[in-house]
Amino acid sequence: MADLVKLPRSELSEAEILKLEEYEFENGPLSVLHTAVQNNSQVLVLCRNDHKLLGRLKAFDRHSNMVLEDVKELWVEVPKNSAGKKGKPINRDRFISKMFVRGDGVILVRRAA
């Protein structure tokens, strides 16, 4: 497998590219997602909109697009009073049974503790 990693993709056959992609999913940065799908375990996803998603990963692709189930979305709201001053931060959450997350909004994915 190490010899396939070093070669440019243009020199590989379709079968070799599939083997290489499978190897990269199992051993590369996407291995966290691959393991979570296989074990039906929870992941914590930090998003660009300062929201956090805690849910079970059902599917993903190389762009970090994901399908999550039983998701708890968490965020913090800072209300403003009538004078325009910031109030005390409020932790908010909501439950979403199934959702698709577009990969360009994902900052970080980690296994849930």
PDB file of N, CA and C in Angstrom:
ATOM      1  N   MET A   1       0.832  -1.195   0.000  1.00  0.00           N
ATOM      2  CA  MET A   1       0.000   0.000   0.000  1.00  0.00           C
ATOM      3  C   MET A   1       0.873   1.255   0.000  1.00  0.00           C
ATOM      4  N   ALA A   2       2.029   1.199   0.643  1.00  0.00           N
ATOM      5  CA  ALA A   2       2.904   2.368   0.697  1.00  0.00           C
ATOM      6  C   ALA A   2       3.350   2.804  -0.693  1.00  0.00           C
ATOM      7  N   ASP A   3       3.487   1.853  -1.612  1.00  0.00           N
ATOM      8  CA  ASP A   3       3.895   2.204  -2.971  1.00  0.00           C
ATOM      9  C   ASP A   3       2.798   2.962  -3.715  1.00  0.00           C
ATOM     10  N   LEU A   4       1.518   2.669  -3.434  1.00  0.00           N
ATOM     11  CA  LEU A   4       0.413   3.391  -4.068  1.00  0.00           C
ATOM     12  C   LEU A   4       0.322   4.833  -3.578  1.00  0.00           C
ATOM     13  N   VAL A   5       0.648   5.042  -2.306  1.00  0.00           N
ATOM     14  CA  VAL A   5       0.559   6.382  -1.721  1.00  0.00           C
ATOM     15  C   VAL A   5       1.537   7.330  -2.390  1.00  0.00           C
ATOM     16  N   LYS A   6       2.691   6.817  -2.773  1.00  0.00           N
ATOM     17  CA  LYS A   6       3.743   7.665  -3.343  1.00  0.00           C
ATOM     18  C   LYS A   6       3.523   8.004  -4.816  1.00  0.00           C
ATOM     19  N   LEU A   7       2.721   7.211  -5.517  1.00  0.00           N
ATOM     20  CA  LEU A   7       2.507   7.430  -6.944  1.00  0.00           C
ATOM     21  C   LEU A   7       1.444   8.493  -7.194  1.00  0.00           C
ATOM     22  N   PRO A   8       1.578   9.271  -8.281  1.00  0.00           N
ATOM     23  CA  PRO A   8       0.504  10.211  -8.645  1.00  0.00           C
ATOM     24  C   PRO A   8      -0.742   9.438  -9.087  1.00  0.00           C
ATOM     25  N   ARG A   9      -1.899   9.988  -8.811  1.00  0.00           N
ATOM     26  CA  ARG A   9      -3.161   9.304  -9.138  1.00  0.00           C
ATOM     27  C   ARG A   9      -3.317   9.068 -10.634  1.00  0.00           C
ATOM     28  N   SER A  10      -2.706   9.909 -11.445  1.00  0.00           N
ATOM     29  CA  SER A  10      -2.825   9.751 -12.891  1.00  0.00           C
ATOM     30  C   SER A  10      -2.177   8.449 -13.380  1.00  0.00           C
ATOM     31  N   GLU A  11      -1.271   7.880 -12.593  1.00  0.00           N
ATOM     32  CA  GLU A  11      -0.598   6.639 -12.976  1.00  0.00           C
ATOM     33  C   GLU A  11      -1.285   5.388 -12.419  1.00  0.00           C
ATOM     34  N   LEU A  12      -2.368   5.571 -11.654  1.00  0.00           N
ATOM     35  CA  LEU A  12      -3.044   4.440 -11.017  1.00  0.00           C
ATOM     36  C   LEU A  12      -4.267   4.012 -11.818  1.00  0.00           C
ATOM     37  N   SER A  13      -4.583   2.721 -11.745  1.00  0.00           N
ATOM     38  CA  SER A  13      -5.812   2.216 -12.356  1.00  0.00           C
ATOM     39  C   SER A  13      -6.989   2.527 -11.424  1.00  0.00           C
ATOM     40  N   GLU A  14      -8.202   2.315 -11.926  1.00  0.00           N
ATOM     41  CA  GLU A  14      -9.388   2.576 -11.100  1.00  0.00           C
ATOM     42  C   GLU A  14      -9.405   1.705  -9.855  1.00  0.00           C
ATOM     43  N   ALA A  15      -9.031   0.451  -9.993  1.00  0.00           N
ATOM     44  CA  ALA A  15      -9.006  -0.464  -8.848  1.00  0.00           C
ATOM     45  C   ALA A  15      -7.977  -0.007  -7.814  1.00  0.00           C
ATOM     46  N   GLU A  16      -6.828   0.461  -8.288  1.00  0.00           N
ATOM     47  CA  GLU A  16      -5.795   0.935  -7.356  1.00  0.00           C
ATOM     48  C   GLU A  16      -6.231   2.217  -6.652  1.00  0.00           C
ATOM     49  N   ILE A  17      -6.943   3.085  -7.368  1.00  0.00           N
ATOM     50  CA  ILE A  17      -7.454   4.316  -6.750  1.00  0.00           C
ATOM     51  C   ILE A  17      -8.472   3.980  -5.673  1.00  0.00           C
ATOM     52  N   LEU A  18      -9.343   3.006  -5.919  1.00  0.00           N
ATOM     53  CA  LEU A  18     -10.317   2.585  -4.906  1.00  0.00           C
ATOM     54  C   LEU A  18      -9.628   2.023  -3.674  1.00  0.00           C
ATOM     55  N   LYS A  19      -8.587   1.202  -3.890  1.00  0.00           N
ATOM     56  CA  LYS A  19      -7.828   0.656  -2.757  1.00  0.00           C
ATOM     57  C   LYS A  19      -7.167   1.776  -1.971  1.00  0.00           C
ATOM     58  N   LEU A  20      -6.592   2.741  -2.672  1.00  0.00           N
ATOM     59  CA  LEU A  20      -5.919   3.861  -2.027  1.00  0.00           C
ATOM     60  C   LEU A  20      -6.900   4.698  -1.217  1.00  0.00           C
ATOM     61  N   GLU A  21      -8.074   4.985  -1.781  1.00  0.00           N
ATOM     62  CA  GLU A  21      -9.077   5.765  -1.059  1.00  0.00           C
ATOM     63  C   GLU A  21      -9.558   5.030   0.184  1.00  0.00           C
ATOM     64  N   GLU A  22      -9.747   3.719   0.076  1.00  0.00           N
ATOM     65  CA  GLU A  22     -10.156   2.931   1.237  1.00  0.00           C
ATOM     66  C   GLU A  22      -9.071   2.977   2.321  1.00  0.00           C
ATOM     67  N   TYR A  23      -7.819   2.856   1.903  1.00  0.00           N
ATOM     68  CA  TYR A  23      -6.690   2.932   2.843  1.00  0.00           C
ATOM     69  C   TYR A  23      -6.650   4.305   3.528  1.00  0.00           C
ATOM     70  N   GLU A  24      -6.861   5.373   2.741  1.00  0.00           N
ATOM     71  CA  GLU A  24      -6.832   6.716   3.314  1.00  0.00           C
ATOM     72  C   GLU A  24      -7.986   6.936   4.289  1.00  0.00           C
ATOM     73  N   PHE A  25      -9.181   6.399   3.974  1.00  0.00           N
ATOM     74  CA  PHE A  25     -10.312   6.522   4.894  1.00  0.00           C
ATOM     75  C   PHE A  25     -10.041   5.798   6.206  1.00  0.00           C
ATOM     76  N   GLU A  26      -9.375   4.661   6.148  1.00  0.00           N
ATOM     77  CA  GLU A  26      -9.135   3.864   7.355  1.00  0.00           C
ATOM     78  C   GLU A  26      -7.941   4.345   8.168  1.00  0.00           C
ATOM     79  N   ASN A  27      -6.982   5.051   7.541  1.00  0.00           N
ATOM     80  CA  ASN A  27      -5.755   5.413   8.238  1.00  0.00           C
ATOM     81  C   ASN A  27      -5.440   6.904   8.247  1.00  0.00           C
ATOM     82  N   GLY A  28      -6.103   7.678   7.433  1.00  0.00           N
ATOM     83  CA  GLY A  28      -5.808   9.101   7.337  1.00  0.00           C
ATOM     84  C   GLY A  28      -6.669   9.924   8.282  1.00  0.00           C
ATOM     85  N   PRO A  29      -6.735  11.227   8.031  1.00  0.00           N
ATOM     86  CA  PRO A  29      -7.521  12.123   8.893  1.00  0.00           C
ATOM     87  C   PRO A  29      -9.004  11.770   8.951  1.00  0.00           C
ATOM     88  N   LEU A  30      -9.526  11.160   7.894  1.00  0.00           N
ATOM     89  CA  LEU A  30     -10.946  10.793   7.887  1.00  0.00           C
ATOM     90  C   LEU A  30     -11.222   9.500   8.642  1.00  0.00           C
ATOM     91  N   SER A  31     -10.199   8.903   9.246  1.00  0.00           N
ATOM     92  CA  SER A  31     -10.394   7.658   9.985  1.00  0.00           C
ATOM     93  C   SER A  31     -11.306   7.856  11.196  1.00  0.00           C
ATOM     94  N   VAL A  32     -11.324   9.064  11.768  1.00  0.00           N
ATOM     95  CA  VAL A  32     -12.231   9.346  12.889  1.00  0.00           C
ATOM     96  C   VAL A  32     -13.675   9.176  12.428  1.00  0.00           C
ATOM     97  N   LEU A  33     -13.987   9.708  11.243  1.00  0.00           N
ATOM     98  CA  LEU A  33     -15.340   9.581  10.707  1.00  0.00           C
ATOM     99  C   LEU A  33     -15.645   8.144  10.319  1.00  0.00           C
ATOM    100  N   HIS A  34     -14.686   7.484   9.704  1.00  0.00           N
ATOM    101  CA  HIS A  34     -14.860   6.096   9.277  1.00  0.00           C
ATOM    102  C   HIS A  34     -15.158   5.195  10.485  1.00  0.00           C
ATOM    103  N   THR A  35     -14.400   5.373  11.557  1.00  0.00           N
ATOM    104  CA  THR A  35     -14.598   4.583  12.782  1.00  0.00           C
ATOM    105  C   THR A  35     -15.957   4.882  13.416  1.00  0.00           C
ATOM    106  N   ALA A  36     -16.358   6.144  13.406  1.00  0.00           N
ATOM    107  CA  ALA A  36     -17.644   6.521  14.006  1.00  0.00           C
ATOM    108  C   ALA A  36     -18.810   5.890  13.252  1.00  0.00           C
ATOM    109  N   VAL A  37     -18.712   5.797  11.926  1.00  0.00           N
ATOM    110  CA  VAL A  37     -19.774   5.163  11.141  1.00  0.00           C
ATOM    111  C   VAL A  37     -19.826   3.671  11.441  1.00  0.00           C
ATOM    112  N   GLN A  38     -18.658   3.026  11.479  1.00  0.00           N
ATOM    113  CA  GLN A  38     -18.624   1.589  11.724  1.00  0.00           C
ATOM    114  C   GLN A  38     -19.147   1.226  13.106  1.00  0.00           C
ATOM    115  N   ASN A  39     -18.805   2.020  14.130  1.00  0.00           N
ATOM    116  CA  ASN A  39     -19.183   1.708  15.507  1.00  0.00           C
ATOM    117  C   ASN A  39     -20.506   2.346  15.935  1.00  0.00           C
ATOM    118  N   ASN A  40     -21.137   3.106  15.032  1.00  0.00           N
ATOM    119  CA  ASN A  40     -22.365   3.830  15.362  1.00  0.00           C
ATOM    120  C   ASN A  40     -22.168   4.692  16.607  1.00  0.00           C
ATOM    121  N   SER A  41     -21.011   5.350  16.706  1.00  0.00           N
ATOM    122  CA  SER A  41     -20.697   6.150  17.882  1.00  0.00           C
ATOM    123  C   SER A  41     -20.971   7.631  17.627  1.00  0.00           C
ATOM    124  N   GLN A  42     -21.011   8.398  18.702  1.00  0.00           N
ATOM    125  CA  GLN A  42     -21.299   9.816  18.606  1.00  0.00           C
ATOM    126  C   GLN A  42     -20.040  10.611  18.262  1.00  0.00           C
ATOM    127  N   VAL A  43     -20.261  11.706  17.549  1.00  0.00           N
ATOM    128  CA  VAL A  43     -19.189  12.652  17.265  1.00  0.00           C
ATOM    129  C   VAL A  43     -19.654  14.046  17.670  1.00  0.00           C
ATOM    130  N   LEU A  44     -18.681  14.897  17.961  1.00  0.00           N
ATOM    131  CA  LEU A  44     -18.942  16.301  18.249  1.00  0.00           C
ATOM    132  C   LEU A  44     -18.391  17.091  17.067  1.00  0.00           C
ATOM    133  N   VAL A  45     -19.260  17.874  16.429  1.00  0.00           N
ATOM    134  CA  VAL A  45     -18.882  18.657  15.248  1.00  0.00           C
ATOM    135  C   VAL A  45     -18.945  20.131  15.628  1.00  0.00           C
ATOM    136  N   LEU A  46     -17.827  20.843  15.472  1.00  0.00           N
ATOM    137  CA  LEU A  46     -17.805  22.287  15.676  1.00  0.00           C
ATOM    138  C   LEU A  46     -18.003  22.946  14.322  1.00  0.00           C
ATOM    139  N   CYS A  47     -18.971  23.860  14.246  1.00  0.00           N
ATOM    140  CA  CYS A  47     -19.326  24.489  12.973  1.00  0.00           C
ATOM    141  C   CYS A  47     -18.883  25.945  12.936  1.00  0.00           C
ATOM    142  N   ARG A  48     -18.845  26.493  11.728  1.00  0.00           N
ATOM    143  CA  ARG A  48     -18.395  27.870  11.528  1.00  0.00           C
ATOM    144  C   ARG A  48     -19.338  28.899  12.132  1.00  0.00           C
ATOM    145  N   ASN A  49     -20.574  28.552  12.375  1.00  0.00           N
ATOM    146  CA  ASN A  49     -21.541  29.489  12.943  1.00  0.00           C
ATOM    147  C   ASN A  49     -21.541  29.454  14.479  1.00  0.00           C
ATOM    148  N   ASP A  50     -20.480  28.925  15.085  1.00  0.00           N
ATOM    149  CA  ASP A  50     -20.327  28.794  16.542  1.00  0.00           C
ATOM    150  C   ASP A  50     -21.367  27.872  17.168  1.00  0.00           C
ATOM    151  N   HIS A  51     -21.919  26.974  16.377  1.00  0.00           N
ATOM    152  CA  HIS A  51     -22.804  25.948  16.907  1.00  0.00           C
ATOM    153  C   HIS A  51     -22.021  24.650  17.022  1.00  0.00           C
ATOM    154  N   LYS A  52     -22.442  23.810  17.957  1.00  0.00           N
ATOM    155  CA  LYS A  52     -21.847  22.485  18.128  1.00  0.00           C
ATOM    156  C   LYS A  52     -22.944  21.451  17.890  1.00  0.00           C
ATOM    157  N   LEU A  53     -22.572  20.362  17.229  1.00  0.00           N
ATOM    158  CA  LEU A  53     -23.524  19.294  16.949  1.00  0.00           C
ATOM    159  C   LEU A  53     -23.011  18.017  17.593  1.00  0.00           C
ATOM    160  N   LEU A  54     -23.833  17.400  18.409  1.00  0.00           N
ATOM    161  CA  LEU A  54     -23.497  16.130  19.041  1.00  0.00           C
ATOM    162  C   LEU A  54     -24.494  15.105  18.536  1.00  0.00           C
ATOM    163  N   GLY A  55     -24.004  14.124  17.775  1.00  0.00           N
ATOM    164  CA  GLY A  55     -24.916  13.138  17.210  1.00  0.00           C
ATOM    165  C   GLY A  55     -24.205  11.918  16.677  1.00  0.00           C
ATOM    166  N   ARG A  56     -25.000  10.970  16.200  1.00  0.00           N
ATOM    167  CA  ARG A  56     -24.463   9.728  15.635  1.00  0.00           C
ATOM    168  C   ARG A  56     -24.245   9.908  14.141  1.00  0.00           C
ATOM    169  N   LEU A  57     -23.031   9.592  13.698  1.00  0.00           N
ATOM    170  CA  LEU A  57     -22.660   9.749  12.303  1.00  0.00           C
ATOM    171  C   LEU A  57     -23.121   8.542  11.508  1.00  0.00           C
ATOM    172  N   LYS A  58     -23.900   8.783  10.451  1.00  0.00           N
ATOM    173  CA  LYS A  58     -24.410   7.702   9.609  1.00  0.00           C
ATOM    174  C   LYS A  58     -23.653   7.587   8.295  1.00  0.00           C
ATOM    175  N   ALA A  59     -23.194   8.710   7.735  1.00  0.00           N
ATOM    176  CA  ALA A  59     -22.477   8.681   6.462  1.00  0.00           C
ATOM    177  C   ALA A  59     -21.657   9.955   6.320  1.00  0.00           C
ATOM    178  N   PHE A  60     -20.619   9.898   5.466  1.00  0.00           N
ATOM    179  CA  PHE A  60     -19.783  11.063   5.197  1.00  0.00           C
ATOM    180  C   PHE A  60     -19.091  10.873   3.858  1.00  0.00           C
ATOM    181  N   ASP A  61     -18.490  11.933   3.366  1.00  0.00           N
ATOM    182  CA  ASP A  61     -17.674  11.830   2.159  1.00  0.00           C
ATOM    183  C   ASP A  61     -16.361  12.586   2.360  1.00  0.00           C
ATOM    184  N   ARG A  62     -15.554  12.628   1.315  1.00  0.00           N
ATOM    185  CA  ARG A  62     -14.215  13.221   1.418  1.00  0.00           C
ATOM    186  C   ARG A  62     -14.238  14.722   1.670  1.00  0.00           C
ATOM    187  N   HIS A  63     -15.389  15.377   1.465  1.00  0.00           N
ATOM    188  CA  HIS A  63     -15.508  16.814   1.697  1.00  0.00           C
ATOM    189  C   HIS A  63     -16.005  17.134   3.102  1.00  0.00           C
ATOM    190  N   SER A  64     -16.155  16.113   3.926  1.00  0.00           N
ATOM    191  CA  SER A  64     -16.696  16.211   5.289  1.00  0.00           C
ATOM    192  C   SER A  64     -18.173  16.558   5.310  1.00  0.00           C
ATOM    193  N   ASN A  65     -18.876  16.337   4.194  1.00  0.00           N
ATOM    194  CA  ASN A  65     -20.337  16.369   4.237  1.00  0.00           C
ATOM    195  C   ASN A  65     -20.754  15.179   5.093  1.00  0.00           C
ATOM    196  N   MET A  66     -21.753  15.368   5.954  1.00  0.00           N
ATOM    197  CA  MET A  66     -22.129  14.307   6.884  1.00  0.00           C
ATOM    198  C   MET A  66     -23.639  14.190   7.023  1.00  0.00           C
ATOM    199  N   VAL A  67     -24.081  12.980   7.298  1.00  0.00           N
ATOM    200  CA  VAL A  67     -25.462  12.734   7.710  1.00  0.00           C
ATOM    201  C   VAL A  67     -25.388  12.315   9.176  1.00  0.00           C
ATOM    202  N   LEU A  68     -26.101  13.059  10.023  1.00  0.00           N
ATOM    203  CA  LEU A  68     -26.111  12.791  11.463  1.00  0.00           C
ATOM    204  C   LEU A  68     -27.533  12.454  11.899  1.00  0.00           C
ATOM    205  N   GLU A  69     -27.636  11.579  12.907  1.00  0.00           N
ATOM    206  CA  GLU A  69     -28.927  11.238  13.507  1.00  0.00           C
ATOM    207  C   GLU A  69     -28.899  11.523  14.991  1.00  0.00           C
ATOM    208  N   ASP A  70     -30.071  11.741  15.562  1.00  0.00           N
ATOM    209  CA  ASP A  70     -30.229  12.017  16.995  1.00  0.00           C
ATOM    210  C   ASP A  70     -29.266  13.110  17.439  1.00  0.00           C
ATOM    211  N   VAL A  71     -29.386  14.263  16.796  1.00  0.00           N
ATOM    212  CA  VAL A  71     -28.442  15.365  16.987  1.00  0.00           C
ATOM    213  C   VAL A  71     -28.947  16.326  18.047  1.00  0.00           C
ATOM    214  N   LYS A  72     -28.043  16.738  18.923  1.00  0.00           N
ATOM    215  CA  LYS A  72     -28.313  17.824  19.853  1.00  0.00           C
ATOM    216  C   LYS A  72     -27.456  18.998  19.395  1.00  0.00           C
ATOM    217  N   GLU A  73     -28.110  20.068  18.966  1.00  0.00           N
ATOM    218  CA  GLU A  73     -27.401  21.268  18.527  1.00  0.00           C
ATOM    219  C   GLU A  73     -27.286  22.216  19.712  1.00  0.00           C
ATOM    220  N   LEU A  74     -26.087  22.716  19.950  1.00  0.00           N
ATOM    221  CA  LEU A  74     -25.817  23.584  21.101  1.00  0.00           C
ATOM    222  C   LEU A  74     -25.224  24.908  20.627  1.00  0.00           C
ATOM    223  N   TRP A  75     -25.677  26.018  21.215  1.00  0.00           N
ATOM    224  CA  TRP A  75     -25.104  27.322  20.918  1.00  0.00           C
ATOM    225  C   TRP A  75     -25.375  28.270  22.070  1.00  0.00           C
ATOM    226  N   VAL A  76     -24.718  29.430  22.050  1.00  0.00           N
ATOM    227  CA  VAL A  76     -24.869  30.438  23.099  1.00  0.00           C
ATOM    228  C   VAL A  76     -25.439  31.704  22.473  1.00  0.00           C
ATOM    229  N   GLU A  77     -26.496  32.228  23.107  1.00  0.00           N
ATOM    230  CA  GLU A  77     -27.074  33.497  22.674  1.00  0.00           C
ATOM    231  C   GLU A  77     -26.776  34.552  23.721  1.00  0.00           C
ATOM    232  N   VAL A  78     -26.415  35.757  23.250  1.00  0.00           N
ATOM    233  CA  VAL A  78     -26.183  36.877  24.162  1.00  0.00           C
ATOM    234  C   VAL A  78     -27.256  37.924  23.871  1.00  0.00           C
ATOM    235  N   PRO A  79     -28.283  38.001  24.731  1.00  0.00           N
ATOM    236  CA  PRO A  79     -29.375  38.951  24.471  1.00  0.00           C
ATOM    237  C   PRO A  79     -28.929  40.400  24.724  1.00  0.00           C
ATOM    238  N   LYS A  80     -29.606  41.314  24.060  1.00  0.00           N
ATOM    239  CA  LYS A  80     -29.357  42.739  24.273  1.00  0.00           C
ATOM    240  C   LYS A  80     -30.584  43.341  24.935  1.00  0.00           C
ATOM    241  N   ASN A  81     -30.353  44.233  25.911  1.00  0.00           N
ATOM    242  CA  ASN A  81     -31.496  44.876  26.565  1.00  0.00           C
ATOM    243  C   ASN A  81     -31.933  46.093  25.747  1.00  0.00           C
ATOM    244  N   SER A  82     -32.920  46.828  26.235  1.00  0.00           N
ATOM    245  CA  SER A  82     -33.474  47.957  25.491  1.00  0.00           C
ATOM    246  C   SER A  82     -32.461  49.074  25.288  1.00  0.00           C
ATOM    247  N   ALA A  83     -31.445  49.159  26.158  1.00  0.00           N
ATOM    248  CA  ALA A  83     -30.413  50.197  26.023  1.00  0.00           C
ATOM    249  C   ALA A  83     -29.312  49.767  25.052  1.00  0.00           C
ATOM    250  N   GLY A  84     -29.397  48.531  24.534  1.00  0.00           N
ATOM    251  CA  GLY A  84     -28.396  48.052  23.589  1.00  0.00           C
ATOM    252  C   GLY A  84     -27.204  47.382  24.229  1.00  0.00           C
ATOM    253  N   LYS A  85     -27.220  47.226  25.547  1.00  0.00           N
ATOM    254  CA  LYS A  85     -26.106  46.563  26.238  1.00  0.00           C
ATOM    255  C   LYS A  85     -26.298  45.054  26.236  1.00  0.00           C
ATOM    256  N   LYS A  86     -25.196  44.335  26.224  1.00  0.00           N
ATOM    257  CA  LYS A  86     -25.250  42.878  26.224  1.00  0.00           C
ATOM    258  C   LYS A  86     -25.652  42.361  27.590  1.00  0.00           C
ATOM    259  N   GLY A  87     -26.498  41.333  27.561  1.00  0.00           N
ATOM    260  CA  GLY A  87     -26.946  40.710  28.796  1.00  0.00           C
ATOM    261  C   GLY A  87     -26.141  39.465  29.115  1.00  0.00           C
ATOM    262  N   LYS A  88     -26.670  38.669  30.008  1.00  0.00           N
ATOM    263  CA  LYS A  88     -26.021  37.424  30.425  1.00  0.00           C
ATOM    264  C   LYS A  88     -26.173  36.371  29.320  1.00  0.00           C
ATOM    265  N   PRO A  89     -25.085  35.685  28.941  1.00  0.00           N
ATOM    266  CA  PRO A  89     -25.177  34.656  27.900  1.00  0.00           C
ATOM    267  C   PRO A  89     -26.124  33.523  28.310  1.00  0.00           C
ATOM    268  N   ILE A  90     -26.873  33.028  27.337  1.00  0.00           N
ATOM    269  CA  ILE A  90     -27.829  31.945  27.574  1.00  0.00           C
ATOM    270  C   ILE A  90     -27.435  30.758  26.706  1.00  0.00           C
ATOM    271  N   ASN A  91     -27.267  29.589  27.322  1.00  0.00           N
ATOM    272  CA  ASN A  91     -26.993  28.361  26.572  1.00  0.00           C
ATOM    273  C   ASN A  91     -28.300  27.844  25.982  1.00  0.00           C
ATOM    274  N   ARG A  92     -28.294  27.575  24.689  1.00  0.00           N
ATOM    275  CA  ARG A  92     -29.475  27.070  24.003  1.00  0.00           C
ATOM    276  C   ARG A  92     -29.161  25.712  23.392  1.00  0.00           C
ATOM    277  N   ASP A  93     -30.185  24.916  23.213  1.00  0.00           N
ATOM    278  CA  ASP A  93     -30.022  23.643  22.510  1.00  0.00           C
ATOM    279  C   ASP A  93     -31.344  23.238  21.883  1.00  0.00           C
ATOM    280  N   ARG A  94     -31.248  22.326  20.918  1.00  0.00           N
ATOM    281  CA  ARG A  94     -32.448  21.759  20.306  1.00  0.00           C
ATOM    282  C   ARG A  94     -32.100  20.376  19.779  1.00  0.00           C
ATOM    283  N   PHE A  95     -33.121  19.547  19.633  1.00  0.00           N
ATOM    284  CA  PHE A  95     -32.952  18.185  19.141  1.00  0.00           C
ATOM    285  C   PHE A  95     -33.380  18.128  17.681  1.00  0.00           C
ATOM    286  N   ILE A  96     -32.568  17.450  16.856  1.00  0.00           N
ATOM    287  CA  ILE A  96     -32.879  17.248  15.442  1.00  0.00           C
ATOM    288  C   ILE A  96     -32.720  15.758  15.168  1.00  0.00           C
ATOM    289  N   SER A  97     -33.761  15.108  14.659  1.00  0.00           N
ATOM    290  CA  SER A  97     -33.721  13.657  14.488  1.00  0.00           C
ATOM    291  C   SER A  97     -32.760  13.219  13.380  1.00  0.00           C
ATOM    292  N   LYS A  98     -32.709  13.952  12.275  1.00  0.00           N
ATOM    293  CA  LYS A  98     -31.808  13.601  11.169  1.00  0.00           C
ATOM    294  C   LYS A  98     -31.429  14.872  10.436  1.00  0.00           C
ATOM    295  N   MET A  99     -30.138  15.006  10.106  1.00  0.00           N
ATOM    296  CA  MET A  99     -29.710  16.212   9.413  1.00  0.00           C
ATOM    297  C   MET A  99     -28.518  15.954   8.509  1.00  0.00           C
ATOM    298  N   PHE A 100     -28.402  16.796   7.488  1.00  0.00           N
ATOM    299  CA  PHE A 100     -27.249  16.796   6.589  1.00  0.00           C
ATOM    300  C   PHE A 100     -26.416  18.021   6.927  1.00  0.00           C
ATOM    301  N   VAL A 101     -25.105  17.836   7.100  1.00  0.00           N
ATOM    302  CA  VAL A 101     -24.191  18.939   7.394  1.00  0.00           C
ATOM    303  C   VAL A 101     -23.260  19.104   6.198  1.00  0.00           C
ATOM    304  N   ARG A 102     -23.244  20.277   5.638  1.00  0.00           N
ATOM    305  CA  ARG A 102     -22.357  20.550   4.505  1.00  0.00           C
ATOM    306  C   ARG A 102     -20.925  20.737   5.026  1.00  0.00           C
ATOM    307  N   GLY A 103     -19.978  20.101   4.369  1.00  0.00           N
ATOM    308  CA  GLY A 103     -18.601  20.047   4.844  1.00  0.00           C
ATOM    309  C   GLY A 103     -17.894  21.379   4.929  1.00  0.00           C
ATOM    310  N   ASP A 104     -18.272  22.370   4.117  1.00  0.00           N
ATOM    311  CA  ASP A 104     -17.557  23.638   4.177  1.00  0.00           C
ATOM    312  C   ASP A 104     -17.890  24.437   5.428  1.00  0.00           C
ATOM    313  N   GLY A 105     -18.896  24.017   6.184  1.00  0.00           N
ATOM    314  CA  GLY A 105     -19.218  24.672   7.445  1.00  0.00           C
ATOM    315  C   GLY A 105     -18.617  23.988   8.656  1.00  0.00           C
ATOM    316  N   VAL A 106     -17.866  22.915   8.429  1.00  0.00           N
ATOM    317  CA  VAL A 106     -17.292  22.122   9.516  1.00  0.00           C
ATOM    318  C   VAL A 106     -15.880  22.623   9.824  1.00  0.00           C
ATOM    319  N   ILE A 107     -15.614  22.869  11.100  1.00  0.00           N
ATOM    320  CA  ILE A 107     -14.278  23.263  11.534  1.00  0.00           C
ATOM    321  C   ILE A 107     -13.525  22.072  12.097  1.00  0.00           C
ATOM    322  N   LEU A 108     -14.193  21.292  12.947  1.00  0.00           N
ATOM    323  CA  LEU A 108     -13.523  20.214  13.651  1.00  0.00           C
ATOM    324  C   LEU A 108     -14.521  19.099  13.937  1.00  0.00           C
ATOM    325  N   VAL A 109     -14.042  17.863  13.878  1.00  0.00           N
ATOM    326  CA  VAL A 109     -14.854  16.708  14.249  1.00  0.00           C
ATOM    327  C   VAL A 109     -14.027  15.873  15.216  1.00  0.00           C
ATOM    328  N   ARG A 110     -14.640  15.487  16.327  1.00  0.00           N
ATOM    329  CA  ARG A 110     -13.947  14.620  17.280  1.00  0.00           C
ATOM    330  C   ARG A 110     -14.928  13.599  17.849  1.00  0.00           C
ATOM    331  N   ARG A 111     -14.348  12.502  18.349  1.00  0.00           N
ATOM    332  CA  ARG A 111     -15.192  11.504  19.005  1.00  0.00           C
ATOM    333  C   ARG A 111     -15.783  12.124  20.263  1.00  0.00           C
ATOM    334  N   ALA A 112     -17.031  11.813  20.541  1.00  0.00           N
ATOM    335  CA  ALA A 112     -17.656  12.310  21.770  1.00  0.00           C
ATOM    336  C   ALA A 112     -17.152  11.483  22.940  1.00  0.00           C
ATOM    337  N   ALA A 113     -16.970  12.150  24.061  1.00  0.00           N
ATOM    338  CA  ALA A 113     -16.442  11.465  25.258  1.00  0.00           C
ATOM    339  C   ALA A 113     -17.462  10.552  25.878  1.00  0.00           C
TER     340      ALA A 113
END
